[in-house]
Amino acid sequence: MTKLFSNPRFLAVYSAVVTLAFAIVVLTGFAESRQKQKFSEIDVERINVVEPDGTLRLVISNKAEFPGIIIKGKETPHPNRKTAGMLFFNDEGTENGGLIFGGGKDASGKVTSYGHLSFDKYEQDQVFSIDAGQGNGEEASQLRVIDEPDYPITEDLAAGARIEKLPKDQQGAAWKQLRAGKPQAETRLMLGRANDGSVALRLKDVQGRDRIVIKVQPDGAPSLQFLDEQGRVTSQLPAAPSHGS
């Protein structure tokens, strides 16, 4: 028996059989891993959808695992986003929209609720959004169309990081100076319900100023207003009552 195990021909055959068996196991396991799996129910804290090369395309996450700001695959902390939901990413692995939601009632009975769906400009913030919110006894819901500047949002992120390192009493002035020196986002169209219960369609100019407002007050009174650059009403339907009436 010892001579058999030490025979070169036996060792060659044995090696070939082991190699073949290993290959079958590997290939069979690979084939099984490619099969579509079906689950009746699954609990998960976060799901990352990626391309074959690993590029991130979608994240579905709870509040604890929700990502920060991801640009071309590089993540930095978000200053105030603490929520659950999903984020969409473009072909370069950069965030370009999302859906977030949340709410509840605290120990004092204070109720909050919010939802937000948005789509972003390339390497910039949202250009279309739908929002609904409730809090402090008020509630509002709005659809917005927004003009975003052409420079990448990474410039603002870098500037913000520098400003955060300044003393607290200097940060406000630094932010004001930063915003004064470059174009900012401006809402061009807004449709929604305000906290006072009125609903309105507001069409705005490139500086974000109301120019046409169609509105229905909580008591049902409708109005159509045209405004100039200073926000003065130039004409209105129904016509405003004269001072002498």
C-alpha atoms as a PDB file:
ATOM      1  CA  MET A   1       0.000   0.000   0.000  1.00  0.00           C
ATOM      2  CA  THR A   2       2.878   2.394   0.785  1.00  0.00           C
ATOM      3  CA  LYS A   3       4.374   1.721  -2.637  1.00  0.00           C
ATOM      4  CA  LEU A   4       0.993   2.547  -4.255  1.00  0.00           C
ATOM      5  CA  PHE A   5       0.780   5.975  -2.551  1.00  0.00           C
ATOM      6  CA  SER A   6       4.355   6.776  -3.529  1.00  0.00           C
ATOM      7  CA  ASN A   7       3.925   5.664  -7.155  1.00  0.00           C
ATOM      8  CA  PRO A   8       4.338   8.692  -9.487  1.00  0.00           C
ATOM      9  CA  ARG A   9       1.523   7.518 -11.775  1.00  0.00           C
ATOM     10  CA  PHE A  10      -0.882   7.189  -8.834  1.00  0.00           C
ATOM     11  CA  LEU A  11       0.063  10.617  -7.566  1.00  0.00           C
ATOM     12  CA  ALA A  12      -0.529  12.131 -10.985  1.00  0.00           C
ATOM     13  CA  VAL A  13      -3.953  10.499 -11.303  1.00  0.00           C
ATOM     14  CA  TYR A  14      -4.846  11.432  -7.720  1.00  0.00           C
ATOM     15  CA  SER A  15      -3.846  15.051  -8.336  1.00  0.00           C
ATOM     16  CA  ALA A  16      -5.904  15.205 -11.489  1.00  0.00           C
ATOM     17  CA  VAL A  17      -8.981  13.788  -9.754  1.00  0.00           C
ATOM     18  CA  VAL A  18      -8.692  16.232  -6.834  1.00  0.00           C
ATOM     19  CA  THR A  19      -8.235  19.175  -9.214  1.00  0.00           C
ATOM     20  CA  LEU A  20     -11.270  18.108 -11.261  1.00  0.00           C
ATOM     21  CA  ALA A  21     -13.391  17.684  -8.138  1.00  0.00           C
ATOM     22  CA  PHE A  22     -12.344  21.132  -6.877  1.00  0.00           C
ATOM     23  CA  ALA A  23     -13.207  22.709 -10.227  1.00  0.00           C
ATOM     24  CA  ILE A  24     -16.643  21.074 -10.223  1.00  0.00           C
ATOM     25  CA  VAL A  25     -17.358  22.357  -6.717  1.00  0.00           C
ATOM     26  CA  VAL A  26     -16.247  25.894  -7.579  1.00  0.00           C
ATOM     27  CA  LEU A  27     -18.159  26.052 -10.859  1.00  0.00           C
ATOM     28  CA  THR A  28     -21.273  24.535  -9.320  1.00  0.00           C
ATOM     29  CA  GLY A  29     -21.175  27.032  -6.467  1.00  0.00           C
ATOM     30  CA  PHE A  30     -20.683  29.895  -8.926  1.00  0.00           C
ATOM     31  CA  ALA A  31     -23.640  28.725 -11.012  1.00  0.00           C
ATOM     32  CA  GLU A  32     -25.815  28.544  -7.919  1.00  0.00           C
ATOM     33  CA  SER A  33     -24.776  32.040  -6.850  1.00  0.00           C
ATOM     34  CA  ARG A  34     -25.955  33.387 -10.216  1.00  0.00           C
ATOM     35  CA  GLN A  35     -29.435  32.006  -9.730  1.00  0.00           C
ATOM     36  CA  LYS A  36     -32.218  34.419  -8.771  1.00  0.00           C
ATOM     37  CA  GLN A  37     -33.126  34.092  -5.114  1.00  0.00           C
ATOM     38  CA  LYS A  38     -36.653  34.472  -3.754  1.00  0.00           C
ATOM     39  CA  PHE A  39     -37.539  35.535  -0.214  1.00  0.00           C
ATOM     40  CA  SER A  40     -40.936  35.797   1.401  1.00  0.00           C
ATOM     41  CA  GLU A  41     -39.633  38.386   3.877  1.00  0.00           C
ATOM     42  CA  ILE A  42     -36.272  39.899   4.710  1.00  0.00           C
ATOM     43  CA  ASP A  43     -35.085  42.297   7.438  1.00  0.00           C
ATOM     44  CA  VAL A  44     -32.210  44.536   6.408  1.00  0.00           C
ATOM     45  CA  GLU A  45     -30.719  47.821   7.623  1.00  0.00           C
ATOM     46  CA  ARG A  46     -29.239  48.941   4.306  1.00  0.00           C
ATOM     47  CA  ILE A  47     -29.137  47.785   0.673  1.00  0.00           C
ATOM     48  CA  ASN A  48     -26.537  49.040  -1.823  1.00  0.00           C
ATOM     49  CA  VAL A  49     -27.306  48.507  -5.524  1.00  0.00           C
ATOM     50  CA  VAL A  50     -24.076  48.575  -7.543  1.00  0.00           C
ATOM     51  CA  GLU A  51     -22.924  48.101 -11.132  1.00  0.00           C
ATOM     52  CA  PRO A  52     -20.656  45.141 -12.037  1.00  0.00           C
ATOM     53  CA  ASP A  53     -17.634  47.427 -11.562  1.00  0.00           C
ATOM     54  CA  GLY A  54     -18.807  48.398  -8.056  1.00  0.00           C
ATOM     55  CA  THR A  55     -20.188  51.855  -8.928  1.00  0.00           C
ATOM     56  CA  LEU A  56     -22.943  52.750  -6.457  1.00  0.00           C
ATOM     57  CA  ARG A  57     -26.334  53.416  -8.098  1.00  0.00           C
ATOM     58  CA  LEU A  58     -28.924  53.189  -5.312  1.00  0.00           C
ATOM     59  CA  VAL A  59     -29.005  53.037  -1.506  1.00  0.00           C
ATOM     60  CA  ILE A  60     -32.042  52.004   0.535  1.00  0.00           C
ATOM     61  CA  SER A  61     -31.332  52.535   4.207  1.00  0.00           C
ATOM     62  CA  ASN A  62     -32.651  53.000   7.688  1.00  0.00           C
ATOM     63  CA  LYS A  63     -31.829  56.137   9.682  1.00  0.00           C
ATOM     64  CA  ALA A  64     -28.786  54.695  11.467  1.00  0.00           C
ATOM     65  CA  GLU A  65     -27.010  53.539   8.288  1.00  0.00           C
ATOM     66  CA  PHE A  66     -28.065  56.363   5.949  1.00  0.00           C
ATOM     67  CA  PRO A  67     -25.056  57.636   3.967  1.00  0.00           C
ATOM     68  CA  GLY A  68     -23.579  61.118   3.909  1.00  0.00           C
ATOM     69  CA  ILE A  69     -22.827  63.071   0.736  1.00  0.00           C
ATOM     70  CA  ILE A  70     -21.321  60.789  -1.929  1.00  0.00           C
ATOM     71  CA  ILE A  71     -19.641  62.358  -4.965  1.00  0.00           C
ATOM     72  CA  LYS A  72     -17.904  60.081  -7.466  1.00  0.00           C
ATOM     73  CA  GLY A  73     -17.801  57.334  -4.871  1.00  0.00           C
ATOM     74  CA  LYS A  74     -16.238  59.470  -2.132  1.00  0.00           C
ATOM     75  CA  GLU A  75     -18.360  60.008   0.979  1.00  0.00           C
ATOM     76  CA  THR A  76     -18.281  62.992   3.328  1.00  0.00           C
ATOM     77  CA  PRO A  77     -20.566  63.557   6.348  1.00  0.00           C
ATOM     78  CA  HIS A  78     -23.850  65.358   5.741  1.00  0.00           C
ATOM     79  CA  PRO A  79     -24.337  68.323   8.111  1.00  0.00           C
ATOM     80  CA  ASN A  80     -27.972  67.625   9.044  1.00  0.00           C
ATOM     81  CA  ARG A  81     -29.475  64.674   7.165  1.00  0.00           C
ATOM     82  CA  LYS A  82     -30.698  62.207   9.811  1.00  0.00           C
ATOM     83  CA  THR A  83     -33.416  60.179   8.139  1.00  0.00           C
ATOM     84  CA  ALA A  84     -34.427  56.941   6.444  1.00  0.00           C
ATOM     85  CA  GLY A  85     -35.125  56.567   2.741  1.00  0.00           C
ATOM     86  CA  MET A  86     -33.319  56.013  -0.541  1.00  0.00           C
ATOM     87  CA  LEU A  87     -30.719  57.865  -2.585  1.00  0.00           C
ATOM     88  CA  PHE A  88     -30.207  57.713  -6.351  1.00  0.00           C
ATOM     89  CA  PHE A  89     -26.732  57.945  -7.956  1.00  0.00           C
ATOM     90  CA  ASN A  90     -25.674  58.755 -11.516  1.00  0.00           C
ATOM     91  CA  ASP A  91     -23.310  56.754 -13.747  1.00  0.00           C
ATOM     92  CA  GLU A  92     -20.317  58.243 -11.901  1.00  0.00           C
ATOM     93  CA  GLY A  93     -21.480  57.245  -8.424  1.00  0.00           C
ATOM     94  CA  THR A  94     -22.586  60.780  -7.510  1.00  0.00           C
ATOM     95  CA  GLU A  95     -25.843  61.480  -5.684  1.00  0.00           C
ATOM     96  CA  ASN A  96     -28.483  62.885  -8.029  1.00  0.00           C
ATOM     97  CA  GLY A  97     -31.755  62.584  -6.142  1.00  0.00           C
ATOM     98  CA  GLY A  98     -33.532  60.873  -3.320  1.00  0.00           C
ATOM     99  CA  LEU A  99     -36.606  60.042  -1.317  1.00  0.00           C
ATOM    100  CA  ILE A 100     -36.585  60.569   2.453  1.00  0.00           C
ATOM    101  CA  PHE A 101     -39.329  60.413   5.053  1.00  0.00           C
ATOM    102  CA  GLY A 102     -39.964  60.322   8.772  1.00  0.00           C
ATOM    103  CA  GLY A 103     -41.956  61.632  11.711  1.00  0.00           C
ATOM    104  CA  GLY A 104     -43.489  60.687  15.015  1.00  0.00           C
ATOM    105  CA  LYS A 105     -44.758  61.966  18.336  1.00  0.00           C
ATOM    106  CA  ASP A 106     -42.401  62.861  21.191  1.00  0.00           C
ATOM    107  CA  ALA A 107     -42.944  62.470  24.925  1.00  0.00           C
ATOM    108  CA  SER A 108     -44.667  65.859  25.155  1.00  0.00           C
ATOM    109  CA  GLY A 109     -47.140  64.923  22.423  1.00  0.00           C
ATOM    110  CA  LYS A 110     -45.510  67.081  19.734  1.00  0.00           C
ATOM    111  CA  VAL A 111     -46.177  65.613  16.283  1.00  0.00           C
ATOM    112  CA  THR A 112     -43.827  65.862  13.294  1.00  0.00           C
ATOM    113  CA  SER A 113     -44.071  64.323   9.842  1.00  0.00           C
ATOM    114  CA  TYR A 114     -42.116  64.908   6.628  1.00  0.00           C
ATOM    115  CA  GLY A 115     -41.487  63.524   3.174  1.00  0.00           C
ATOM    116  CA  HIS A 116     -39.182  64.730   0.410  1.00  0.00           C
ATOM    117  CA  LEU A 117     -38.611  63.570  -3.183  1.00  0.00           C
ATOM    118  CA  SER A 118     -35.997  65.360  -5.293  1.00  0.00           C
ATOM    119  CA  PHE A 119     -33.964  65.159  -8.494  1.00  0.00           C
ATOM    120  CA  ASP A 120     -30.587  66.900  -8.762  1.00  0.00           C
ATOM    121  CA  LYS A 121     -28.590  68.747 -11.379  1.00  0.00           C
ATOM    122  CA  TYR A 122     -25.217  67.245 -12.336  1.00  0.00           C
ATOM    123  CA  GLU A 123     -22.882  67.766  -9.360  1.00  0.00           C
ATOM    124  CA  GLN A 124     -25.356  70.219  -7.841  1.00  0.00           C
ATOM    125  CA  ASP A 125     -28.433  70.256  -5.636  1.00  0.00           C
ATOM    126  CA  GLN A 126     -32.078  69.632  -6.469  1.00  0.00           C
ATOM    127  CA  VAL A 127     -33.808  71.186  -9.498  1.00  0.00           C
ATOM    128  CA  PHE A 128     -37.196  69.545  -8.842  1.00  0.00           C
ATOM    129  CA  SER A 129     -38.659  68.606  -5.473  1.00  0.00           C
ATOM    130  CA  ILE A 130     -41.869  67.563  -3.756  1.00  0.00           C
ATOM    131  CA  ASP A 131     -42.122  68.235  -0.016  1.00  0.00           C
ATOM    132  CA  ALA A 132     -44.689  67.644   2.695  1.00  0.00           C
ATOM    133  CA  GLY A 133     -44.223  68.546   6.331  1.00  0.00           C
ATOM    134  CA  GLN A 134     -46.062  68.837   9.613  1.00  0.00           C
ATOM    135  CA  GLY A 135     -44.847  70.320  12.882  1.00  0.00           C
ATOM    136  CA  ASN A 136     -45.568  72.917  15.572  1.00  0.00           C
ATOM    137  CA  GLY A 137     -49.270  72.722  14.751  1.00  0.00           C
ATOM    138  CA  GLU A 138     -48.670  73.699  11.118  1.00  0.00           C
ATOM    139  CA  GLU A 139     -48.524  71.766   7.880  1.00  0.00           C
ATOM    140  CA  ALA A 140     -47.505  72.533   4.302  1.00  0.00           C
ATOM    141  CA  SER A 141     -46.906  70.692   1.045  1.00  0.00           C
ATOM    142  CA  GLN A 142     -45.143  72.050  -2.026  1.00  0.00           C
ATOM    143  CA  LEU A 143     -43.834  71.246  -5.489  1.00  0.00           C
ATOM    144  CA  ARG A 144     -40.843  73.311  -6.607  1.00  0.00           C
ATOM    145  CA  VAL A 145     -38.843  73.891  -9.797  1.00  0.00           C
ATOM    146  CA  ILE A 146     -35.429  75.372  -9.002  1.00  0.00           C
ATOM    147  CA  ASP A 147     -32.559  76.946 -10.940  1.00  0.00           C
ATOM    148  CA  GLU A 148     -29.202  75.732  -9.612  1.00  0.00           C
ATOM    149  CA  PRO A 149     -25.838  77.427 -10.361  1.00  0.00           C
ATOM    150  CA  ASP A 150     -23.390  75.856 -12.829  1.00  0.00           C
ATOM    151  CA  TYR A 151     -20.418  75.442 -10.476  1.00  0.00           C
ATOM    152  CA  PRO A 152     -20.015  72.046  -8.717  1.00  0.00           C
ATOM    153  CA  ILE A 153     -21.440  71.688  -5.240  1.00  0.00           C
ATOM    154  CA  THR A 154     -18.037  70.482  -4.043  1.00  0.00           C
ATOM    155  CA  GLU A 155     -16.956  74.138  -3.984  1.00  0.00           C
ATOM    156  CA  ASP A 156     -19.628  74.926  -1.392  1.00  0.00           C
ATOM    157  CA  LEU A 157     -18.763  71.808   0.604  1.00  0.00           C
ATOM    158  CA  ALA A 158     -15.099  72.786   0.756  1.00  0.00           C
ATOM    159  CA  ALA A 159     -15.954  76.371   1.698  1.00  0.00           C
ATOM    160  CA  GLY A 160     -18.395  75.151   4.339  1.00  0.00           C
ATOM    161  CA  ALA A 161     -15.722  72.952   5.902  1.00  0.00           C
ATOM    162  CA  ARG A 162     -13.415  75.988   6.170  1.00  0.00           C
ATOM    163  CA  ILE A 163     -16.158  78.176   7.644  1.00  0.00           C
ATOM    164  CA  GLU A 164     -17.024  75.551  10.278  1.00  0.00           C
ATOM    165  CA  LYS A 165     -13.480  75.879  11.611  1.00  0.00           C
ATOM    166  CA  LEU A 166     -13.935  79.600  12.277  1.00  0.00           C
ATOM    167  CA  PRO A 167     -15.126  80.937  15.654  1.00  0.00           C
ATOM    168  CA  LYS A 168     -18.911  80.802  15.973  1.00  0.00           C
ATOM    169  CA  ASP A 169     -19.271  84.571  15.974  1.00  0.00           C
ATOM    170  CA  GLN A 170     -17.504  84.796  12.592  1.00  0.00           C
ATOM    171  CA  GLN A 171     -19.353  82.042  10.748  1.00  0.00           C
ATOM    172  CA  GLY A 172     -22.479  84.038   9.917  1.00  0.00           C
ATOM    173  CA  ALA A 173     -20.532  86.811   8.197  1.00  0.00           C
ATOM    174  CA  ALA A 174     -18.388  84.258   6.354  1.00  0.00           C
ATOM    175  CA  TRP A 175     -21.459  82.472   4.986  1.00  0.00           C
ATOM    176  CA  LYS A 176     -22.979  85.793   3.930  1.00  0.00           C
ATOM    177  CA  GLN A 177     -19.782  86.776   2.122  1.00  0.00           C
ATOM    178  CA  LEU A 178     -19.591  83.408   0.378  1.00  0.00           C
ATOM    179  CA  ARG A 179     -23.168  83.591  -0.889  1.00  0.00           C
ATOM    180  CA  ALA A 180     -22.744  87.192  -2.050  1.00  0.00           C
ATOM    181  CA  GLY A 181     -19.781  86.245  -4.212  1.00  0.00           C
ATOM    182  CA  LYS A 182     -21.398  83.577  -6.396  1.00  0.00           C
ATOM    183  CA  PRO A 183     -24.751  82.613  -7.954  1.00  0.00           C
ATOM    184  CA  GLN A 184     -27.238  80.857  -5.693  1.00  0.00           C
ATOM    185  CA  ALA A 185     -30.171  78.519  -6.214  1.00  0.00           C
ATOM    186  CA  GLU A 186     -33.467  80.281  -6.978  1.00  0.00           C
ATOM    187  CA  THR A 187     -36.969  78.810  -6.963  1.00  0.00           C
ATOM    188  CA  ARG A 188     -38.703  79.541 -10.291  1.00  0.00           C
ATOM    189  CA  LEU A 189     -42.038  77.819  -9.719  1.00  0.00           C
ATOM    190  CA  MET A 190     -43.835  76.830  -6.532  1.00  0.00           C
ATOM    191  CA  LEU A 191     -47.189  75.103  -6.216  1.00  0.00           C
ATOM    192  CA  GLY A 192     -48.559  74.126  -2.854  1.00  0.00           C
ATOM    193  CA  ARG A 193     -50.423  74.577   0.377  1.00  0.00           C
ATOM    194  CA  ALA A 194     -49.094  77.096   2.895  1.00  0.00           C
ATOM    195  CA  ASN A 195     -49.251  76.901   6.686  1.00  0.00           C
ATOM    196  CA  ASP A 196     -52.225  79.294   6.733  1.00  0.00           C
ATOM    197  CA  GLY A 197     -54.330  76.871   4.667  1.00  0.00           C
ATOM    198  CA  SER A 198     -54.155  78.837   1.411  1.00  0.00           C
ATOM    199  CA  VAL A 199     -53.035  77.243  -1.872  1.00  0.00           C
ATOM    200  CA  ALA A 200     -51.084  79.074  -4.565  1.00  0.00           C
ATOM    201  CA  LEU A 201     -49.153  78.817  -7.797  1.00  0.00           C
ATOM    202  CA  ARG A 202     -46.199  81.216  -7.806  1.00  0.00           C
ATOM    203  CA  LEU A 203     -44.219  81.945 -10.993  1.00  0.00           C
ATOM    204  CA  LYS A 204     -40.917  83.688 -10.291  1.00  0.00           C
ATOM    205  CA  ASP A 205     -38.168  85.451 -12.236  1.00  0.00           C
ATOM    206  CA  VAL A 206     -34.490  84.400 -12.322  1.00  0.00           C
ATOM    207  CA  GLN A 207     -33.891  86.256  -9.034  1.00  0.00           C
ATOM    208  CA  GLY A 208     -36.601  84.178  -7.345  1.00  0.00           C
ATOM    209  CA  ARG A 209     -39.083  87.082  -7.055  1.00  0.00           C
ATOM    210  CA  ASP A 210     -42.831  86.477  -7.403  1.00  0.00           C
ATOM    211  CA  ARG A 211     -44.111  87.840 -10.739  1.00  0.00           C
ATOM    212  CA  ILE A 212     -47.433  85.978 -11.138  1.00  0.00           C
ATOM    213  CA  VAL A 213     -49.390  84.573  -8.203  1.00  0.00           C
ATOM    214  CA  ILE A 214     -52.604  82.568  -8.505  1.00  0.00           C
ATOM    215  CA  LYS A 215     -54.031  82.016  -5.042  1.00  0.00           C
ATOM    216  CA  VAL A 216     -57.061  80.712  -3.184  1.00  0.00           C
ATOM    217  CA  GLN A 217     -57.435  81.852   0.434  1.00  0.00           C
ATOM    218  CA  PRO A 218     -58.646  79.535   3.228  1.00  0.00           C
ATOM    219  CA  ASP A 219     -62.116  81.139   2.960  1.00  0.00           C
ATOM    220  CA  GLY A 220     -62.251  80.241  -0.764  1.00  0.00           C
ATOM    221  CA  ALA A 221     -61.557  83.733  -2.146  1.00  0.00           C
ATOM    222  CA  PRO A 222     -59.495  83.462  -5.384  1.00  0.00           C
ATOM    223  CA  SER A 223     -57.072  86.026  -6.806  1.00  0.00           C
ATOM    224  CA  LEU A 224     -54.662  86.545  -9.690  1.00  0.00           C
ATOM    225  CA  GLN A 225     -51.811  89.030  -9.209  1.00  0.00           C
ATOM    226  CA  PHE A 226     -49.066  90.425 -11.462  1.00  0.00           C
ATOM    227  CA  LEU A 227     -46.079  91.929  -9.650  1.00  0.00           C
ATOM    228  CA  ASP A 228     -43.094  94.072 -10.634  1.00  0.00           C
ATOM    229  CA  GLU A 229     -39.426  93.605  -9.645  1.00  0.00           C
ATOM    230  CA  GLN A 230     -39.994  95.348  -6.297  1.00  0.00           C
ATOM    231  CA  GLY A 231     -42.878  93.024  -5.387  1.00  0.00           C
ATOM    232  CA  ARG A 232     -45.576  95.636  -6.008  1.00  0.00           C
ATOM    233  CA  VAL A 233     -48.874  94.421  -7.473  1.00  0.00           C
ATOM    234  CA  THR A 234     -49.290  96.056 -10.908  1.00  0.00           C
ATOM    235  CA  SER A 235     -52.647  94.451 -11.695  1.00  0.00           C
ATOM    236  CA  GLN A 236     -55.007  92.084  -9.954  1.00  0.00           C
ATOM    237  CA  LEU A 237     -58.151  90.037 -10.492  1.00  0.00           C
ATOM    238  CA  PRO A 238     -60.554  90.609  -8.923  1.00  0.00           C
ATOM    239  CA  ALA A 239     -59.506  94.254  -8.817  1.00  0.00           C
ATOM    240  CA  ALA A 240     -58.442  95.571  -5.409  1.00  0.00           C
ATOM    241  CA  PRO A 241     -61.054  97.886  -3.863  1.00  0.00           C
ATOM    242  CA  SER A 242     -60.262 101.572  -4.122  1.00  0.00           C
ATOM    243  CA  HIS A 243     -59.433 103.524  -0.958  1.00  0.00           C
ATOM    244  CA  GLY A 244     -62.609 105.581  -1.318  1.00  0.00           C
ATOM    245  CA  SER A 245     -64.993 102.624  -1.425  1.00  0.00           C
END
